[in-house]
């Protein structure tokens, strides 16, 4: 076995839904319509959302990366998270 092949992680499908899993790390990405004014409310509450984020780790394990982006003139939201647990 070469060093390259032993360092390559195994990628599998999520056992409980859509997405991929690399070892214990899983991912999910969503795209949905935003409610009118939702982007503005999100920006106003972003600091509290970030402060409360640790509570979600009790549900999903360790969050490695979490991103939220408003697109199309704030009419749609993309959310992406990688986590384990």
PDB file of N, CA and C in Angstrom:
ATOM      1  N   UNK A   1       0.850  -1.173   0.000  1.00  0.00           N
ATOM      2  CA  UNK A   1       0.000   0.000   0.000  1.00  0.00           C
ATOM      3  C   UNK A   1       0.899   1.241   0.000  1.00  0.00           C
ATOM      4  N   UNK A   2       0.627   2.173  -0.893  1.00  0.00           N
ATOM      5  CA  UNK A   2       1.439   3.386  -0.962  1.00  0.00           C
ATOM      6  C   UNK A   2       0.966   4.391   0.068  1.00  0.00           C
ATOM      7  N   UNK A   3       1.831   5.366   0.359  1.00  0.00           N
ATOM      8  CA  UNK A   3       1.467   6.420   1.317  1.00  0.00           C
ATOM      9  C   UNK A   3       0.267   7.203   0.824  1.00  0.00           C
ATOM     10  N   UNK A   4       0.164   7.412  -0.504  1.00  0.00           N
ATOM     11  CA  UNK A   4      -0.957   8.170  -1.056  1.00  0.00           C
ATOM     12  C   UNK A   4      -2.278   7.432  -0.823  1.00  0.00           C
ATOM     13  N   UNK A   5      -2.340   6.142  -1.105  1.00  0.00           N
ATOM     14  CA  UNK A   5      -3.598   5.423  -0.958  1.00  0.00           C
ATOM     15  C   UNK A   5      -4.005   5.281   0.502  1.00  0.00           C
ATOM     16  N   UNK A   6      -3.060   5.182   1.419  1.00  0.00           N
ATOM     17  CA  UNK A   6      -3.416   5.058   2.829  1.00  0.00           C
ATOM     18  C   UNK A   6      -3.905   6.382   3.402  1.00  0.00           C
ATOM     19  N   UNK A   7      -3.557   7.512   2.764  1.00  0.00           N
ATOM     20  CA  UNK A   7      -3.982   8.819   3.245  1.00  0.00           C
ATOM     21  C   UNK A   7      -5.308   9.256   2.633  1.00  0.00           C
ATOM     22  N   UNK A   8      -5.807   8.521   1.654  1.00  0.00           N
ATOM     23  CA  UNK A   8      -7.047   8.884   0.995  1.00  0.00           C
ATOM     24  C   UNK A   8      -8.226   8.397   1.827  1.00  0.00           C
ATOM     25  N   UNK A   9      -9.088   9.310   2.272  1.00  0.00           N
ATOM     26  CA  UNK A   9     -10.226   8.896   3.096  1.00  0.00           C
ATOM     27  C   UNK A   9     -11.290   8.185   2.270  1.00  0.00           C
ATOM     28  N   UNK A  10     -12.072   7.377   2.939  1.00  0.00           N
ATOM     29  CA  UNK A  10     -13.186   6.689   2.306  1.00  0.00           C
ATOM     30  C   UNK A  10     -14.412   7.583   2.342  1.00  0.00           C
ATOM     31  N   UNK A  11     -15.020   7.802   1.185  1.00  0.00           N
ATOM     32  CA  UNK A  11     -16.226   8.624   1.083  1.00  0.00           C
ATOM     33  C   UNK A  11     -17.406   7.690   0.873  1.00  0.00           C
ATOM     34  N   UNK A  12     -18.437   7.833   1.705  1.00  0.00           N
ATOM     35  CA  UNK A  12     -19.631   6.994   1.602  1.00  0.00           C
ATOM     36  C   UNK A  12     -20.874   7.876   1.591  1.00  0.00           C
ATOM     37  N   UNK A  13     -22.004   7.275   1.268  1.00  0.00           N
ATOM     38  CA  UNK A  13     -23.287   7.984   1.338  1.00  0.00           C
ATOM     39  C   UNK A  13     -23.721   8.066   2.795  1.00  0.00           C
ATOM     40  N   UNK A  14     -24.487   9.087   3.116  1.00  0.00           N
ATOM     41  CA  UNK A  14     -25.061   9.211   4.453  1.00  0.00           C
ATOM     42  C   UNK A  14     -25.968   8.001   4.705  1.00  0.00           C
ATOM     43  N   UNK A  15     -25.891   7.384   5.869  1.00  0.00           N
ATOM     44  CA  UNK A  15     -26.759   6.244   6.144  1.00  0.00           C
ATOM     45  C   UNK A  15     -28.212   6.663   6.399  1.00  0.00           C
ATOM     46  N   UNK A  16     -28.440   7.938   6.694  1.00  0.00           N
ATOM     47  CA  UNK A  16     -29.788   8.367   7.078  1.00  0.00           C
ATOM     48  C   UNK A  16     -30.328   9.487   6.202  1.00  0.00           C
ATOM     49  N   UNK A  17     -29.816   9.610   4.965  1.00  0.00           N
ATOM     50  CA  UNK A  17     -30.360  10.647   4.093  1.00  0.00           C
ATOM     51  C   UNK A  17     -29.376  11.040   3.012  1.00  0.00           C
ATOM     52  N   UNK A  18     -29.652  12.192   2.399  1.00  0.00           N
ATOM     53  CA  UNK A  18     -28.814  12.693   1.322  1.00  0.00           C
ATOM     54  C   UNK A  18     -27.486  13.197   1.863  1.00  0.00           C
ATOM     55  N   UNK A  19     -26.489  13.269   0.999  1.00  0.00           N
ATOM     56  CA  UNK A  19     -25.195  13.816   1.382  1.00  0.00           C
ATOM     57  C   UNK A  19     -24.120  12.752   1.414  1.00  0.00           C
ATOM     58  N   UNK A  20     -22.939  13.185   1.744  1.00  0.00           N
ATOM     59  CA  UNK A  20     -21.776  12.294   1.793  1.00  0.00           C
ATOM     60  C   UNK A  20     -21.171  12.310   3.183  1.00  0.00           C
ATOM     61  N   UNK A  21     -20.395  11.282   3.485  1.00  0.00           N
ATOM     62  CA  UNK A  21     -19.704  11.159   4.756  1.00  0.00           C
ATOM     63  C   UNK A  21     -18.269  10.742   4.466  1.00  0.00           C
ATOM     64  N   UNK A  22     -17.329  11.436   5.108  1.00  0.00           N
ATOM     65  CA  UNK A  22     -15.916  11.077   5.028  1.00  0.00           C
ATOM     66  C   UNK A  22     -15.520  10.688   6.440  1.00  0.00           C
ATOM     67  N   UNK A  23     -15.355   9.389   6.672  1.00  0.00           N
ATOM     68  CA  UNK A  23     -15.121   8.906   8.030  1.00  0.00           C
ATOM     69  C   UNK A  23     -16.329   9.255   8.892  1.00  0.00           C
ATOM     70  N   UNK A  24     -16.122  10.006   9.957  1.00  0.00           N
ATOM     71  CA  UNK A  24     -17.212  10.425  10.835  1.00  0.00           C
ATOM     72  C   UNK A  24     -17.784  11.794  10.456  1.00  0.00           C
ATOM     73  N   UNK A  25     -17.154  12.474   9.502  1.00  0.00           N
ATOM     74  CA  UNK A  25     -17.577  13.818   9.125  1.00  0.00           C
ATOM     75  C   UNK A  25     -18.633  13.739   8.027  1.00  0.00           C
ATOM     76  N   UNK A  26     -19.756  14.424   8.242  1.00  0.00           N
ATOM     77  CA  UNK A  26     -20.862  14.426   7.294  1.00  0.00           C
ATOM     78  C   UNK A  26     -21.129  15.854   6.846  1.00  0.00           C
ATOM     79  N   UNK A  27     -21.887  15.987   5.754  1.00  0.00           N
ATOM     80  CA  UNK A  27     -22.205  17.307   5.246  1.00  0.00           C
ATOM     81  C   UNK A  27     -23.668  17.355   4.803  1.00  0.00           C
ATOM     82  N   UNK A  28     -24.192  18.561   4.816  1.00  0.00           N
ATOM     83  CA  UNK A  28     -25.511  18.800   4.250  1.00  0.00           C
ATOM     84  C   UNK A  28     -25.526  20.233   3.724  1.00  0.00           C
ATOM     85  N   UNK A  29     -26.150  20.414   2.575  1.00  0.00           N
ATOM     86  CA  UNK A  29     -26.314  21.729   1.970  1.00  0.00           C
ATOM     87  C   UNK A  29     -27.773  21.877   1.568  1.00  0.00           C
ATOM     88  N   UNK A  30     -28.358  23.027   1.878  1.00  0.00           N
ATOM     89  CA  UNK A  30     -29.765  23.268   1.547  1.00  0.00           C
ATOM     90  C   UNK A  30     -29.896  24.601   0.819  1.00  0.00           C
ATOM     91  N   UNK A  31     -30.914  24.697  -0.012  1.00  0.00           N
ATOM     92  CA  UNK A  31     -31.263  25.927  -0.704  1.00  0.00           C
ATOM     93  C   UNK A  31     -32.766  26.100  -0.540  1.00  0.00           C
ATOM     94  N   UNK A  32     -33.180  27.255  -0.047  1.00  0.00           N
ATOM     95  CA  UNK A  32     -34.610  27.490   0.108  1.00  0.00           C
ATOM     96  C   UNK A  32     -34.926  28.968  -0.043  1.00  0.00           C
ATOM     97  N   UNK A  33     -36.213  29.263  -0.267  1.00  0.00           N
ATOM     98  CA  UNK A  33     -36.665  30.642  -0.400  1.00  0.00           C
ATOM     99  C   UNK A  33     -36.663  31.323   0.961  1.00  0.00           C
ATOM    100  N   UNK A  34     -36.239  32.579   0.973  1.00  0.00           N
ATOM    101  CA  UNK A  34     -36.240  33.374   2.202  1.00  0.00           C
ATOM    102  C   UNK A  34     -37.566  34.127   2.294  1.00  0.00           C
ATOM    103  N   UNK A  35     -38.048  34.305   3.506  1.00  0.00           N
ATOM    104  CA  UNK A  35     -39.231  35.129   3.715  1.00  0.00           C
ATOM    105  C   UNK A  35     -38.852  36.584   3.477  1.00  0.00           C
ATOM    106  N   UNK A  36     -39.787  37.401   3.023  1.00  0.00           N
ATOM    107  CA  UNK A  36     -39.483  38.823   2.856  1.00  0.00           C
ATOM    108  C   UNK A  36     -38.953  39.420   4.164  1.00  0.00           C
ATOM    109  N   UNK A  37     -37.852  40.129   4.093  1.00  0.00           N
ATOM    110  CA  UNK A  37     -37.237  40.718   5.275  1.00  0.00           C
ATOM    111  C   UNK A  37     -36.384  39.749   6.077  1.00  0.00           C
ATOM    112  N   UNK A  38     -36.314  38.495   5.644  1.00  0.00           N
ATOM    113  CA  UNK A  38     -35.571  37.478   6.389  1.00  0.00           C
ATOM    114  C   UNK A  38     -34.082  37.749   6.466  1.00  0.00           C
ATOM    115  N   UNK A  39     -33.495  38.240   5.383  1.00  0.00           N
ATOM    116  CA  UNK A  39     -32.064  38.541   5.388  1.00  0.00           C
ATOM    117  C   UNK A  39     -31.758  39.642   6.386  1.00  0.00           C
ATOM    118  N   UNK A  40     -32.580  40.674   6.410  1.00  0.00           N
ATOM    119  CA  UNK A  40     -32.368  41.774   7.355  1.00  0.00           C
ATOM    120  C   UNK A  40     -32.490  41.288   8.800  1.00  0.00           C
ATOM    121  N   UNK A  41     -33.511  40.468   9.075  1.00  0.00           N
ATOM    122  CA  UNK A  41     -33.669  39.921  10.439  1.00  0.00           C
ATOM    123  C   UNK A  41     -32.486  39.038  10.807  1.00  0.00           C
ATOM    124  N   UNK A  42     -32.014  38.234   9.848  1.00  0.00           N
ATOM    125  CA  UNK A  42     -30.863  37.373  10.113  1.00  0.00           C
ATOM    126  C   UNK A  42     -29.642  38.218  10.483  1.00  0.00           C
ATOM    127  N   UNK A  43     -29.375  39.249   9.706  1.00  0.00           N
ATOM    128  CA  UNK A  43     -28.209  40.104   9.982  1.00  0.00           C
ATOM    129  C   UNK A  43     -28.345  40.794  11.339  1.00  0.00           C
ATOM    130  N   UNK A  44     -29.555  41.199  11.708  1.00  0.00           N
ATOM    131  CA  UNK A  44     -29.768  41.844  13.001  1.00  0.00           C
ATOM    132  C   UNK A  44     -29.510  40.884  14.160  1.00  0.00           C
ATOM    133  N   UNK A  45     -29.789  39.595  13.939  1.00  0.00           N
ATOM    134  CA  UNK A  45     -29.670  38.593  14.998  1.00  0.00           C
ATOM    135  C   UNK A  45     -28.425  37.720  14.874  1.00  0.00           C
ATOM    136  N   UNK A  46     -27.534  38.029  13.940  1.00  0.00           N
ATOM    137  CA  UNK A  46     -26.375  37.168  13.677  1.00  0.00           C
ATOM    138  C   UNK A  46     -25.503  36.962  14.911  1.00  0.00           C
ATOM    139  N   UNK A  47     -25.274  38.001  15.697  1.00  0.00           N
ATOM    140  CA  UNK A  47     -24.422  37.859  16.885  1.00  0.00           C
ATOM    141  C   UNK A  47     -25.031  36.876  17.880  1.00  0.00           C
ATOM    142  N   UNK A  48     -26.344  36.948  18.112  1.00  0.00           N
ATOM    143  CA  UNK A  48     -26.997  36.024  19.040  1.00  0.00           C
ATOM    144  C   UNK A  48     -26.986  34.599  18.483  1.00  0.00           C
ATOM    145  N   UNK A  49     -27.222  34.469  17.190  1.00  0.00           N
ATOM    146  CA  UNK A  49     -27.185  33.143  16.561  1.00  0.00           C
ATOM    147  C   UNK A  49     -25.810  32.519  16.766  1.00  0.00           C
ATOM    148  N   UNK A  50     -24.767  33.300  16.571  1.00  0.00           N
ATOM    149  CA  UNK A  50     -23.406  32.782  16.750  1.00  0.00           C
ATOM    150  C   UNK A  50     -23.145  32.433  18.211  1.00  0.00           C
ATOM    151  N   UNK A  51     -23.604  33.265  19.135  1.00  0.00           N
ATOM    152  CA  UNK A  51     -23.422  32.981  20.561  1.00  0.00           C
ATOM    153  C   UNK A  51     -24.132  31.706  20.990  1.00  0.00           C
ATOM    154  N   UNK A  52     -25.285  31.403  20.383  1.00  0.00           N
ATOM    155  CA  UNK A  52     -26.082  30.232  20.741  1.00  0.00           C
ATOM    156  C   UNK A  52     -25.668  28.966  19.995  1.00  0.00           C
ATOM    157  N   UNK A  53     -24.731  29.072  19.056  1.00  0.00           N
ATOM    158  CA  UNK A  53     -24.375  27.948  18.192  1.00  0.00           C
ATOM    159  C   UNK A  53     -23.917  26.716  18.966  1.00  0.00           C
ATOM    160  N   UNK A  54     -23.261  26.903  20.112  1.00  0.00           N
ATOM    161  CA  UNK A  54     -22.755  25.749  20.868  1.00  0.00           C
ATOM    162  C   UNK A  54     -23.878  24.803  21.277  1.00  0.00           C
ATOM    163  N   UNK A  55     -25.085  25.320  21.442  1.00  0.00           N
ATOM    164  CA  UNK A  55     -26.215  24.474  21.845  1.00  0.00           C
ATOM    165  C   UNK A  55     -26.573  23.455  20.768  1.00  0.00           C
ATOM    166  N   UNK A  56     -26.338  23.795  19.507  1.00  0.00           N
ATOM    167  CA  UNK A  56     -26.668  22.879  18.419  1.00  0.00           C
ATOM    168  C   UNK A  56     -25.704  21.713  18.359  1.00  0.00           C
ATOM    169  N   UNK A  57     -24.501  21.885  18.884  1.00  0.00           N
ATOM    170  CA  UNK A  57     -23.552  20.779  18.871  1.00  0.00           C
ATOM    171  C   UNK A  57     -24.042  19.607  19.702  1.00  0.00           C
ATOM    172  N   UNK A  58     -24.881  19.860  20.699  1.00  0.00           N
ATOM    173  CA  UNK A  58     -25.443  18.767  21.504  1.00  0.00           C
ATOM    174  C   UNK A  58     -26.321  17.872  20.642  1.00  0.00           C
ATOM    175  N   UNK A  59     -26.880  18.425  19.568  1.00  0.00           N
ATOM    176  CA  UNK A  59     -27.775  17.680  18.688  1.00  0.00           C
ATOM    177  C   UNK A  59     -27.004  16.986  17.569  1.00  0.00           C
ATOM    178  N   UNK A  60     -26.043  17.681  16.949  1.00  0.00           N
ATOM    179  CA  UNK A  60     -25.378  17.147  15.761  1.00  0.00           C
ATOM    180  C   UNK A  60     -23.949  16.699  15.988  1.00  0.00           C
ATOM    181  N   UNK A  61     -23.402  16.863  17.148  1.00  0.00           N
ATOM    182  CA  UNK A  61     -21.996  16.535  17.382  1.00  0.00           C
ATOM    183  C   UNK A  61     -21.166  17.781  17.216  1.00  0.00           C
ATOM    184  N   UNK A  62     -19.963  17.632  16.718  1.00  0.00           N
ATOM    185  CA  UNK A  62     -19.082  18.777  16.537  1.00  0.00           C
ATOM    186  C   UNK A  62     -19.316  19.395  15.167  1.00  0.00           C
ATOM    187  N   UNK A  63     -19.621  20.683  15.145  1.00  0.00           N
ATOM    188  CA  UNK A  63     -19.790  21.397  13.890  1.00  0.00           C
ATOM    189  C   UNK A  63     -18.416  21.884  13.444  1.00  0.00           C
ATOM    190  N   UNK A  64     -17.999  21.455  12.260  1.00  0.00           N
ATOM    191  CA  UNK A  64     -16.701  21.851  11.734  1.00  0.00           C
ATOM    192  C   UNK A  64     -16.802  23.133  10.921  1.00  0.00           C
ATOM    193  N   UNK A  65     -17.900  23.296  10.199  1.00  0.00           N
ATOM    194  CA  UNK A  65     -18.073  24.460   9.350  1.00  0.00           C
ATOM    195  C   UNK A  65     -19.568  24.684   9.154  1.00  0.00           C
ATOM    196  N   UNK A  66     -19.997  25.943   9.260  1.00  0.00           N
ATOM    197  CA  UNK A  66     -21.411  26.287   9.049  1.00  0.00           C
ATOM    198  C   UNK A  66     -21.453  27.614   8.314  1.00  0.00           C
ATOM    199  N   UNK A  67     -22.106  27.610   7.172  1.00  0.00           N
ATOM    200  CA  UNK A  67     -22.179  28.829   6.366  1.00  0.00           C
ATOM    201  C   UNK A  67     -23.622  29.082   5.932  1.00  0.00           C
ATOM    202  N   UNK A  68     -24.007  30.362   5.980  1.00  0.00           N
ATOM    203  CA  UNK A  68     -25.312  30.804   5.501  1.00  0.00           C
ATOM    204  C   UNK A  68     -25.061  31.974   4.555  1.00  0.00           C
ATOM    205  N   UNK A  69     -25.648  31.897   3.372  1.00  0.00           N
ATOM    206  CA  UNK A  69     -25.477  32.954   2.385  1.00  0.00           C
ATOM    207  C   UNK A  69     -26.821  33.279   1.744  1.00  0.00           C
ATOM    208  N   UNK A  70     -27.138  34.554   1.687  1.00  0.00           N
ATOM    209  CA  UNK A  70     -28.340  35.001   0.995  1.00  0.00           C
ATOM    210  C   UNK A  70     -27.958  35.337  -0.439  1.00  0.00           C
ATOM    211  N   UNK A  71     -28.777  34.872  -1.400  1.00  0.00           N
ATOM    212  CA  UNK A  71     -28.489  35.096  -2.817  1.00  0.00           C
ATOM    213  C   UNK A  71     -29.740  35.634  -3.506  1.00  0.00           C
ATOM    214  N   UNK A  72     -29.578  35.997  -4.765  1.00  0.00           N
ATOM    215  CA  UNK A  72     -30.687  36.467  -5.598  1.00  0.00           C
ATOM    216  C   UNK A  72     -31.463  37.588  -4.924  1.00  0.00           C
ATOM    217  N   UNK A  73     -30.734  38.666  -4.602  1.00  0.00           N
ATOM    218  CA  UNK A  73     -31.339  39.837  -3.951  1.00  0.00           C
ATOM    219  C   UNK A  73     -32.038  39.471  -2.649  1.00  0.00           C
ATOM    220  N   UNK A  74     -31.407  38.616  -1.859  1.00  0.00           N
ATOM    221  CA  UNK A  74     -31.913  38.197  -0.547  1.00  0.00           C
ATOM    222  C   UNK A  74     -33.243  37.445  -0.608  1.00  0.00           C
ATOM    223  N   UNK A  75     -33.541  36.802  -1.742  1.00  0.00           N
ATOM    224  CA  UNK A  75     -34.787  36.042  -1.862  1.00  0.00           C
ATOM    225  C   UNK A  75     -34.590  34.560  -1.597  1.00  0.00           C
ATOM    226  N   UNK A  76     -33.325  34.094  -1.602  1.00  0.00           N
ATOM    227  CA  UNK A  76     -33.026  32.690  -1.349  1.00  0.00           C
ATOM    228  C   UNK A  76     -31.851  32.585  -0.376  1.00  0.00           C
ATOM    229  N   UNK A  77     -31.789  31.432   0.293  1.00  0.00           N
ATOM    230  CA  UNK A  77     -30.748  31.170   1.293  1.00  0.00           C
ATOM    231  C   UNK A  77     -30.074  29.837   0.952  1.00  0.00           C
ATOM    232  N   UNK A  78     -28.746  29.841   1.016  1.00  0.00           N
ATOM    233  CA  UNK A  78     -27.978  28.599   0.937  1.00  0.00           C
ATOM    234  C   UNK A  78     -27.402  28.376   2.330  1.00  0.00           C
ATOM    235  N   UNK A  79     -27.600  27.187   2.874  1.00  0.00           N
ATOM    236  CA  UNK A  79     -27.008  26.804   4.144  1.00  0.00           C
ATOM    237  C   UNK A  79     -26.177  25.558   3.949  1.00  0.00           C
ATOM    238  N   UNK A  80     -24.958  25.568   4.491  1.00  0.00           N
ATOM    239  CA  UNK A  80     -24.068  24.409   4.357  1.00  0.00           C
ATOM    240  C   UNK A  80     -23.385  24.160   5.694  1.00  0.00           C
ATOM    241  N   UNK A  81     -23.358  22.889   6.107  1.00  0.00           N
ATOM    242  CA  UNK A  81     -22.731  22.531   7.376  1.00  0.00           C
ATOM    243  C   UNK A  81     -21.987  21.217   7.214  1.00  0.00           C
ATOM    244  N   UNK A  82     -20.813  21.119   7.854  1.00  0.00           N
ATOM    245  CA  UNK A  82     -20.124  19.849   8.006  1.00  0.00           C
ATOM    246  C   UNK A  82     -20.015  19.585   9.499  1.00  0.00           C
ATOM    247  N   UNK A  83     -20.208  18.331   9.879  1.00  0.00           N
ATOM    248  CA  UNK A  83     -20.281  17.980  11.301  1.00  0.00           C
ATOM    249  C   UNK A  83     -19.899  16.515  11.486  1.00  0.00           C
ATOM    250  N   UNK A  84     -19.676  16.137  12.730  1.00  0.00           N
ATOM    251  CA  UNK A  84     -19.534  14.718  13.046  1.00  0.00           C
ATOM    252  C   UNK A  84     -20.332  14.419  14.293  1.00  0.00           C
ATOM    253  N   UNK A  85     -20.603  13.169  14.492  1.00  0.00           N
ATOM    254  CA  UNK A  85     -21.401  12.773  15.648  1.00  0.00           C
ATOM    255  C   UNK A  85     -22.749  12.265  15.256  1.00  0.00           C
TER     256      UNK A  85
END
